[in-house]
C-alpha atoms as a PDB file:
ATOM      1  CA  MET A   1      -5.891  20.481  -0.950  1.00  0.00           C
ATOM      2  CA  ALA A   2      -3.967  23.279  -1.834  1.00  0.00           C
ATOM      3  CA  GLY A   3      -3.677  26.378   0.690  1.00  0.00           C
ATOM      4  CA  ASP A   4      -4.356  26.096   4.328  1.00  0.00           C
ATOM      5  CA  VAL A   5      -7.302  25.789   6.385  1.00  0.00           C
ATOM      6  CA  GLY A   6      -7.194  27.445   9.653  1.00  0.00           C
ATOM      7  CA  LEU A   7      -3.749  28.669  10.985  1.00  0.00           C
ATOM      8  CA  THR A   8      -0.696  27.515   9.079  1.00  0.00           C
ATOM      9  CA  THR A   9       2.116  26.236  11.188  1.00  0.00           C
ATOM     10  CA  ALA A  10       3.790  29.885  11.539  1.00  0.00           C
ATOM     11  CA  GLN A  11       0.649  31.435  12.711  1.00  0.00           C
ATOM     12  CA  GLU A  12       0.030  28.783  15.093  1.00  0.00           C
ATOM     13  CA  GLN A  13       3.515  29.653  16.594  1.00  0.00           C
ATOM     14  CA  THR A  14       2.885  33.132  16.517  1.00  0.00           C
ATOM     15  CA  LEU A  15      -0.325  32.810  18.555  1.00  0.00           C
ATOM     16  CA  LYS A  16       1.190  30.399  20.992  1.00  0.00           C
ATOM     17  CA  GLU A  17       4.150  33.127  21.522  1.00  0.00           C
ATOM     18  CA  TYR A  18       1.503  35.533  22.264  1.00  0.00           C
ATOM     19  CA  SER A  19      -0.465  33.450  24.561  1.00  0.00           C
ATOM     20  CA  GLU A  20       2.702  32.537  26.498  1.00  0.00           C
ATOM     21  CA  ARG A  21       4.142  36.249  26.627  1.00  0.00           C
ATOM     22  CA  THR A  22       4.917  37.664  30.014  1.00  0.00           C
ATOM     23  CA  LYS A  23       5.437  41.208  28.746  1.00  0.00           C
ATOM     24  CA  PRO A  24       2.073  43.139  27.990  1.00  0.00           C
ATOM     25  CA  LEU A  25       0.964  42.808  24.164  1.00  0.00           C
ATOM     26  CA  THR A  26       1.558  45.861  22.083  1.00  0.00           C
ATOM     27  CA  ASP A  27      -1.466  47.247  20.303  1.00  0.00           C
ATOM     28  CA  ASN A  28      -0.429  45.734  16.964  1.00  0.00           C
ATOM     29  CA  MET A  29       0.029  42.576  18.725  1.00  0.00           C
ATOM     30  CA  ILE A  30      -3.482  42.567  20.350  1.00  0.00           C
ATOM     31  CA  ILE A  31      -5.076  43.144  16.903  1.00  0.00           C
ATOM     32  CA  GLU A  32      -3.024  40.562  15.255  1.00  0.00           C
ATOM     33  CA  ARG A  33      -3.796  37.900  18.046  1.00  0.00           C
ATOM     34  CA  ALA A  34      -7.362  38.759  17.502  1.00  0.00           C
ATOM     35  CA  LYS A  35      -7.116  38.098  13.863  1.00  0.00           C
ATOM     36  CA  LEU A  36      -5.371  34.715  14.423  1.00  0.00           C
ATOM     37  CA  ILE A  37      -8.014  33.516  17.132  1.00  0.00           C
ATOM     38  CA  SER A  38     -10.894  34.261  14.508  1.00  0.00           C
ATOM     39  CA  LYS A  39      -9.036  32.459  11.596  1.00  0.00           C
ATOM     40  CA  ARG A  40      -8.438  29.536  14.045  1.00  0.00           C
ATOM     41  CA  ASP A  41     -11.975  29.392  15.369  1.00  0.00           C
ATOM     42  CA  ASN A  42     -13.717  30.163  11.975  1.00  0.00           C
ATOM     43  CA  PRO A  43     -11.685  28.044   9.352  1.00  0.00           C
ATOM     44  CA  GLN A  44     -12.469  28.910   5.582  1.00  0.00           C
ATOM     45  CA  LEU A  45     -11.866  27.176   2.403  1.00  0.00           C
ATOM     46  CA  PRO A  46      -8.864  28.565   0.315  1.00  0.00           C
ATOM     47  CA  GLN A  47      -9.871  30.653  -2.620  1.00  0.00           C
ATOM     48  CA  GLY A  48      -8.532  27.831  -4.983  1.00  0.00           C
ATOM     49  CA  ALA A  49     -10.760  25.566  -3.372  1.00  0.00           C
ATOM     50  CA  LYS A  50     -13.559  27.875  -3.325  1.00  0.00           C
ATOM     51  CA  THR A  51     -13.008  28.355  -7.331  1.00  0.00           C
ATOM     52  CA  TYR A  52     -13.042  24.584  -7.879  1.00  0.00           C
ATOM     53  CA  CYS A  53     -16.330  24.065  -6.123  1.00  0.00           C
ATOM     54  CA  GLU A  54     -17.930  27.190  -8.154  1.00  0.00           C
ATOM     55  CA  ASN A  55     -16.876  25.329 -11.490  1.00  0.00           C
ATOM     56  CA  TRP A  56     -18.248  22.219 -10.255  1.00  0.00           C
ATOM     57  CA  PHE A  57     -21.481  23.854  -9.498  1.00  0.00           C
ATOM     58  CA  ILE A  58     -21.923  25.442 -12.722  1.00  0.00           C
ATOM     59  CA  THR A  59     -21.270  22.217 -14.354  1.00  0.00           C
ATOM     60  CA  GLN A  60     -23.852  20.334 -12.450  1.00  0.00           C
ATOM     61  CA  LYS A  61     -26.421  23.312 -12.903  1.00  0.00           C
ATOM     62  CA  TYR A  62     -26.017  24.250 -16.414  1.00  0.00           C
ATOM     63  CA  GLY A  63     -24.890  21.219 -17.946  1.00  0.00           C
ATOM     64  CA  ARG A  64     -21.573  22.810 -19.199  1.00  0.00           C
ATOM     65  CA  LYS A  65     -18.154  21.200 -18.724  1.00  0.00           C
ATOM     66  CA  LYS A  66     -14.895  22.942 -18.342  1.00  0.00           C
ATOM     67  CA  GLU A  67     -12.304  21.725 -21.024  1.00  0.00           C
ATOM     68  CA  TRP A  68     -10.148  19.410 -19.631  1.00  0.00           C
ATOM     69  CA  TYR A  69      -9.004  17.216 -22.449  1.00  0.00           C
ATOM     70  CA  ASN A  70      -5.610  18.260 -24.239  1.00  0.00           C
ATOM     71  CA  ARG A  71      -2.842  16.874 -26.021  1.00  0.00           C
ATOM     72  CA  TYR A  72      -1.047  15.833 -22.933  1.00  0.00           C
ATOM     73  CA  VAL A  73      -4.157  13.999 -21.624  1.00  0.00           C
ATOM     74  CA  GLU A  74      -4.541  12.368 -25.203  1.00  0.00           C
ATOM     75  CA  LYS A  75      -0.837  11.018 -25.077  1.00  0.00           C
ATOM     76  CA  GLY A  76      -1.298   9.849 -21.611  1.00  0.00           C
ATOM     77  CA  LEU A  77      -4.226   7.704 -22.340  1.00  0.00           C
ATOM     78  CA  ALA A  78      -2.774   6.635 -25.728  1.00  0.00           C
ATOM     79  CA  VAL A  79       0.515   5.123 -24.123  1.00  0.00           C
ATOM     80  CA  GLU A  80      -0.912   4.155 -20.776  1.00  0.00           C
ATOM     81  CA  HIS A  81      -0.539   0.309 -21.564  1.00  0.00           C
ATOM     82  CA  LEU A  82       3.013   1.060 -22.698  1.00  0.00           C
ATOM     83  CA  GLY A  83       3.788   2.625 -19.341  1.00  0.00           C
ATOM     84  CA  ILE A  84       2.433  -0.451 -17.605  1.00  0.00           C
ATOM     85  CA  GLN A  85       4.743  -2.764 -19.673  1.00  0.00           C
ATOM     86  CA  MET A  86       7.786  -0.168 -18.825  1.00  0.00           C
ATOM     87  CA  LEU A  87       6.794  -0.568 -15.048  1.00  0.00           C
ATOM     88  CA  SER A  88       6.569  -4.588 -15.464  1.00  0.00           C
ATOM     89  CA  ASP A  89       9.981  -4.762 -16.996  1.00  0.00           C
ATOM     90  CA  MET A  90      11.252  -2.629 -14.123  1.00  0.00           C
ATOM     91  CA  GLN A  91       9.771  -4.782 -11.535  1.00  0.00           C
ATOM     92  CA  GLY A  92      10.407  -8.016 -13.157  1.00  0.00           C
ATOM     93  CA  ILE A  93       6.907  -9.163 -12.997  1.00  0.00           C
ATOM     94  CA  GLU A  94       3.749  -8.931 -15.245  1.00  0.00           C
ATOM     95  CA  LEU A  95       1.363  -6.219 -14.234  1.00  0.00           C
ATOM     96  CA  VAL A  96      -2.086  -5.744 -15.864  1.00  0.00           C
ATOM     97  CA  LYS A  97      -4.304  -2.764 -15.787  1.00  0.00           C
ATOM     98  CA  ASN A  98      -6.671  -2.515 -12.958  1.00  0.00           C
ATOM     99  CA  GLU A  99     -10.171  -2.273 -14.099  1.00  0.00           C
ATOM    100  CA  GLU A 100     -12.078  -1.637 -10.754  1.00  0.00           C
ATOM    101  CA  PHE A 101     -13.441   1.639  -9.850  1.00  0.00           C
ATOM    102  CA  PHE A 102     -13.444   2.414  -6.065  1.00  0.00           C
ATOM    103  CA  GLN A 103     -15.494   4.861  -4.092  1.00  0.00           C
ATOM    104  CA  ASN A 104     -16.324   5.653  -0.371  1.00  0.00           C
ATOM    105  CA  GLU A 105     -18.123   8.654   1.233  1.00  0.00           C
ATOM    106  CA  PHE A 106     -15.398  11.278   0.078  1.00  0.00           C
ATOM    107  CA  ILE A 107     -13.339   9.863  -2.631  1.00  0.00           C
ATOM    108  CA  GLN A 108     -13.823   7.987  -5.974  1.00  0.00           C
ATOM    109  CA  GLY A 109     -11.114   6.716  -8.557  1.00  0.00           C
ATOM    110  CA  SER A 110      -9.434   4.221 -10.050  1.00  0.00           C
ATOM    111  CA  PRO A 111      -5.466   3.446  -9.848  1.00  0.00           C
ATOM    112  CA  ASP A 112      -3.764   2.386 -13.001  1.00  0.00           C
ATOM    113  CA  VAL A 113      -2.292  -0.983 -11.435  1.00  0.00           C
ATOM    114  CA  ILE A 114      -2.771  -2.653  -7.778  1.00  0.00           C
ATOM    115  CA  HIS A 115      -0.094  -5.418  -7.153  1.00  0.00           C
ATOM    116  CA  ASN A 116       0.737  -7.002  -3.986  1.00  0.00           C
ATOM    117  CA  GLY A 117      -0.780  -4.181  -1.867  1.00  0.00           C
ATOM    118  CA  ILE A 118       0.618  -1.452  -3.519  1.00  0.00           C
ATOM    119  CA  VAL A 119      -0.991   1.122  -5.863  1.00  0.00           C
ATOM    120  CA  PHE A 120       0.945   2.319  -8.927  1.00  0.00           C
ATOM    121  CA  ASP A 121      -0.207   5.102 -11.145  1.00  0.00           C
ATOM    122  CA  ILE A 122       1.602   6.030 -14.301  1.00  0.00           C
ATOM    123  CA  LYS A 123       2.325   9.516 -15.397  1.00  0.00           C
ATOM    124  CA  SER A 124       3.685   9.865 -19.043  1.00  0.00           C
ATOM    125  CA  ALA A 125       5.787  12.760 -19.694  1.00  0.00           C
ATOM    126  CA  TRP A 126       5.003  14.930 -22.773  1.00  0.00           C
ATOM    127  CA  ASP A 127       8.483  15.372 -23.719  1.00  0.00           C
ATOM    128  CA  ILE A 128      11.971  15.032 -22.605  1.00  0.00           C
ATOM    129  CA  PHE A 129      12.277  18.403 -20.909  1.00  0.00           C
ATOM    130  CA  THR A 130       9.053  17.382 -18.886  1.00  0.00           C
ATOM    131  CA  PHE A 131      10.618  14.025 -17.465  1.00  0.00           C
ATOM    132  CA  PRO A 132      11.930  14.527 -13.988  1.00  0.00           C
ATOM    133  CA  PHE A 133      15.284  13.248 -14.895  1.00  0.00           C
ATOM    134  CA  PHE A 134      17.039  15.056 -11.733  1.00  0.00           C
ATOM    135  CA  GLU A 135      14.096  15.472  -9.077  1.00  0.00           C
ATOM    136  CA  LYS A 136      14.678  13.434  -6.387  1.00  0.00           C
ATOM    137  CA  GLU A 137      11.089  14.348  -4.533  1.00  0.00           C
ATOM    138  CA  LEU A 138       7.801  13.687  -6.112  1.00  0.00           C
ATOM    139  CA  PRO A 139       7.582  16.850  -8.467  1.00  0.00           C
ATOM    140  CA  ASN A 140       3.973  17.474  -8.424  1.00  0.00           C
ATOM    141  CA  PRO A 141       2.221  17.673  -4.722  1.00  0.00           C
ATOM    142  CA  ASP A 142      -1.159  16.917  -6.319  1.00  0.00           C
ATOM    143  CA  TYR A 143      -0.290  13.335  -7.229  1.00  0.00           C
ATOM    144  CA  TYR A 144       0.728  12.752  -3.532  1.00  0.00           C
ATOM    145  CA  TYR A 145      -2.810  13.434  -2.553  1.00  0.00           C
ATOM    146  CA  GLN A 146      -4.105  11.335  -5.484  1.00  0.00           C
ATOM    147  CA  LEU A 147      -1.953   8.492  -4.199  1.00  0.00           C
ATOM    148  CA  GLN A 148      -3.455   8.926  -0.453  1.00  0.00           C
ATOM    149  CA  CYS A 149      -6.992   8.701  -1.991  1.00  0.00           C
ATOM    150  CA  TYR A 150      -6.046   5.626  -3.991  1.00  0.00           C
ATOM    151  CA  MET A 151      -4.769   3.957  -0.645  1.00  0.00           C
ATOM    152  CA  ALA A 152      -7.669   4.959   1.350  1.00  0.00           C
ATOM    153  CA  LEU A 153      -9.881   3.357  -1.356  1.00  0.00           C
ATOM    154  CA  THR A 154      -8.163   0.375  -1.901  1.00  0.00           C
ATOM    155  CA  GLY A 155      -6.769  -0.405   1.663  1.00  0.00           C
ATOM    156  CA  CYS A 156      -3.116  -0.463   0.263  1.00  0.00           C
ATOM    157  CA  GLU A 157      -0.223   0.828   2.512  1.00  0.00           C
ATOM    158  CA  ASN A 158       2.165   1.772  -0.098  1.00  0.00           C
ATOM    159  CA  ALA A 159       1.731   3.326  -3.543  1.00  0.00           C
ATOM    160  CA  SER A 160       3.991   4.938  -6.194  1.00  0.00           C
ATOM    161  CA  ILE A 161       3.817   7.472  -8.773  1.00  0.00           C
ATOM    162  CA  VAL A 162       5.762   6.263 -11.953  1.00  0.00           C
ATOM    163  CA  TYR A 163       6.851   8.734 -14.378  1.00  0.00           C
ATOM    164  CA  CYS A 164       7.598   7.282 -18.038  1.00  0.00           C
ATOM    165  CA  LEU A 165       9.130   8.867 -21.190  1.00  0.00           C
ATOM    166  CA  ILE A 166       7.210   6.945 -24.093  1.00  0.00           C
ATOM    167  CA  ASP A 167       7.301   7.874 -27.889  1.00  0.00           C
ATOM    168  CA  THR A 168       4.751   9.887 -28.834  1.00  0.00           C
ATOM    169  CA  PRO A 169       1.914   8.141 -30.924  1.00  0.00           C
ATOM    170  CA  LYS A 170       2.331   8.895 -34.611  1.00  0.00           C
ATOM    171  CA  PRO A 171      -1.181  10.455 -35.060  1.00  0.00           C
ATOM    172  CA  ILE A 172      -0.433  12.754 -32.220  1.00  0.00           C
ATOM    173  CA  ILE A 173       2.880  13.729 -33.876  1.00  0.00           C
ATOM    174  CA  GLN A 174       1.115  14.424 -37.107  1.00  0.00           C
ATOM    175  CA  GLN A 175      -1.237  16.686 -35.376  1.00  0.00           C
ATOM    176  CA  GLU A 176       1.354  18.735 -33.496  1.00  0.00           C
ATOM    177  CA  LEU A 177       3.509  19.148 -36.813  1.00  0.00           C
ATOM    178  CA  LYS A 178       0.688  20.291 -38.575  1.00  0.00           C
ATOM    179  CA  LYS A 179       0.014  22.729 -35.842  1.00  0.00           C
ATOM    180  CA  LEU A 180       3.762  23.987 -36.328  1.00  0.00           C
ATOM    181  CA  TYR A 181       3.330  24.192 -39.835  1.00  0.00           C
ATOM    182  CA  PHE A 182       0.233  26.560 -39.960  1.00  0.00           C
ATOM    183  CA  GLN A 183       1.805  28.614 -36.947  1.00  0.00           C
ATOM    184  CA  SER A 184       5.154  28.970 -38.851  1.00  0.00           C
ATOM    185  CA  GLY A 185       3.474  30.679 -41.817  1.00  0.00           C
ATOM    186  CA  GLY A 186       5.849  28.638 -44.054  1.00  0.00           C
ATOM    187  CA  THR A 187       5.150  27.276 -47.675  1.00  0.00           C
ATOM    188  CA  VAL A 188       4.779  23.760 -48.683  1.00  0.00           C
ATOM    189  CA  GLU A 189       8.192  24.073 -50.402  1.00  0.00           C
ATOM    190  CA  GLN A 190       9.651  24.819 -47.028  1.00  0.00           C
ATOM    191  CA  TRP A 191       8.205  22.292 -45.249  1.00  0.00           C
ATOM    192  CA  THR A 192      10.298  19.261 -46.455  1.00  0.00           C
ATOM    193  CA  PRO A 193      10.479  15.509 -45.441  1.00  0.00           C
ATOM    194  CA  ASP A 194      13.826  16.687 -43.723  1.00  0.00           C
ATOM    195  CA  THR A 195      12.131  19.365 -41.893  1.00  0.00           C
ATOM    196  CA  TYR A 196       9.234  16.711 -40.569  1.00  0.00           C
ATOM    197  CA  LYS A 197      12.326  14.336 -39.648  1.00  0.00           C
ATOM    198  CA  GLU A 198      14.203  17.096 -37.694  1.00  0.00           C
ATOM    199  CA  LEU A 199      11.035  18.112 -35.621  1.00  0.00           C
ATOM    200  CA  GLU A 200       9.904  14.396 -35.287  1.00  0.00           C
ATOM    201  CA  VAL A 201      12.769  13.458 -33.242  1.00  0.00           C
ATOM    202  CA  ASN A 202      11.424  15.768 -30.352  1.00  0.00           C
ATOM    203  CA  TYR A 203       8.655  13.070 -30.091  1.00  0.00           C
ATOM    204  CA  ARG A 204      10.403   9.942 -29.965  1.00  0.00           C
ATOM    205  CA  PHE A 205      12.845   8.782 -27.395  1.00  0.00           C
ATOM    206  CA  ASP A 206      13.392   5.044 -28.248  1.00  0.00           C
ATOM    207  CA  ASP A 207      17.189   6.069 -28.677  1.00  0.00           C
ATOM    208  CA  ILE A 208      17.300   6.400 -25.041  1.00  0.00           C
ATOM    209  CA  PRO A 209      17.540   3.253 -22.662  1.00  0.00           C
ATOM    210  CA  GLU A 210      14.393   2.362 -21.085  1.00  0.00           C
ATOM    211  CA  SER A 211      15.804   2.160 -17.634  1.00  0.00           C
ATOM    212  CA  GLU A 212      16.654   5.901 -18.139  1.00  0.00           C
ATOM    213  CA  ARG A 213      13.014   6.576 -19.256  1.00  0.00           C
ATOM    214  CA  ILE A 214      11.292   5.424 -16.025  1.00  0.00           C
ATOM    215  CA  LYS A 215      11.474   6.969 -12.548  1.00  0.00           C
ATOM    216  CA  GLU A 216       9.408   5.733  -9.546  1.00  0.00           C
ATOM    217  CA  TYR A 217       8.426   8.066  -6.537  1.00  0.00           C
ATOM    218  CA  PRO A 218       7.339   5.794  -3.635  1.00  0.00           C
ATOM    219  CA  VAL A 219       4.595   7.273  -1.229  1.00  0.00           C
ATOM    220  CA  GLU A 220       3.608   5.834   2.183  1.00  0.00           C
ATOM    221  CA  LYS A 221      -0.018   5.958   3.482  1.00  0.00           C
ATOM    222  CA  ASN A 222      -0.751   8.757   5.639  1.00  0.00           C
ATOM    223  CA  VAL A 223      -3.868   8.507   7.720  1.00  0.00           C
ATOM    224  CA  ALA A 224      -3.743  12.041   9.163  1.00  0.00           C
ATOM    225  CA  VAL A 225      -3.684  13.338   5.450  1.00  0.00           C
ATOM    226  CA  ILE A 226      -6.507  10.966   4.493  1.00  0.00           C
ATOM    227  CA  ALA A 227      -8.584  12.447   7.303  1.00  0.00           C
ATOM    228  CA  LYS A 228      -7.878  16.113   6.226  1.00  0.00           C
ATOM    229  CA  ILE A 229      -8.945  15.207   2.821  1.00  0.00           C
ATOM    230  CA  GLY A 230     -12.160  14.014   4.299  1.00  0.00           C
ATOM    231  CA  GLU A 231     -12.577  17.246   6.337  1.00  0.00           C
ATOM    232  CA  ARG A 232     -12.019  19.107   3.216  1.00  0.00           C
ATOM    233  CA  VAL A 233     -14.427  17.462   1.182  1.00  0.00           C
ATOM    234  CA  LYS A 234     -16.795  18.327   4.070  1.00  0.00           C
ATOM    235  CA  MET A 235     -15.954  21.885   3.769  1.00  0.00           C
ATOM    236  CA  CYS A 236     -16.477  22.136   0.199  1.00  0.00           C
ATOM    237  CA  ARG A 237     -19.897  20.340   0.381  1.00  0.00           C
ATOM    238  CA  ALA A 238     -20.845  23.112   2.766  1.00  0.00           C
ATOM    239  CA  TYR A 239     -19.484  25.838   0.604  1.00  0.00           C
ATOM    240  CA  ILE A 240     -21.675  24.337  -2.460  1.00  0.00           C
ATOM    241  CA  GLU A 241     -24.684  24.650  -0.418  1.00  0.00           C
ATOM    242  CA  THR A 242     -24.310  28.556  -0.222  1.00  0.00           C
ATOM    243  CA  LEU A 243     -23.961  28.423  -3.865  1.00  0.00           C
ATOM    244  CA  LYS A 244     -27.482  27.185  -4.404  1.00  0.00           C
END
């Protein structure tokens, strides 16, 4: 959904001003107006969306998958149940993981939690510096569209992204510290138990009150945005046809 299809708000305003202008347009204005009209009447996918479609097409045609699994995903999957428990504690109710998969003509997915007409999706921060302590608005706009999709699929009118700061599982900590050991070029003698303890604290957060390690960003359903998602999917499908 990144990028603009057709004219931006500023370009629409410029075209309107040219159309309503009482004085003759300059040569440069005439050229710009023609370009704006062409862009308005011939909307194109942004380059980012085209690249996404191209990668998808390569995966389908050649059976290769672009790497997506990393340490952030690994931790998120490993601690998801703890994030749901933190959300349960914050809400004062016992929430359970949603196991149902949804899909329609344009969208598919499985929200983490659905309760009383609200969709919740858990995002586990990698470390203390990636947890949004100070952000008042949803930090990642991609998640806004993710929640709109979930609301379209489930019929819910409200949703929330819930950031959680949870201890990193010990196996992942060991993997990370092993990487640091090899990258440091140090020796076994230098890598003492005290060194391990000193570095391990960066992966553990249980000394911080739980109320400070969870943050919720509510999002309301927007049918206009959901419609735009459907239109963008149609454009992606049309572009993919040109790749065949």
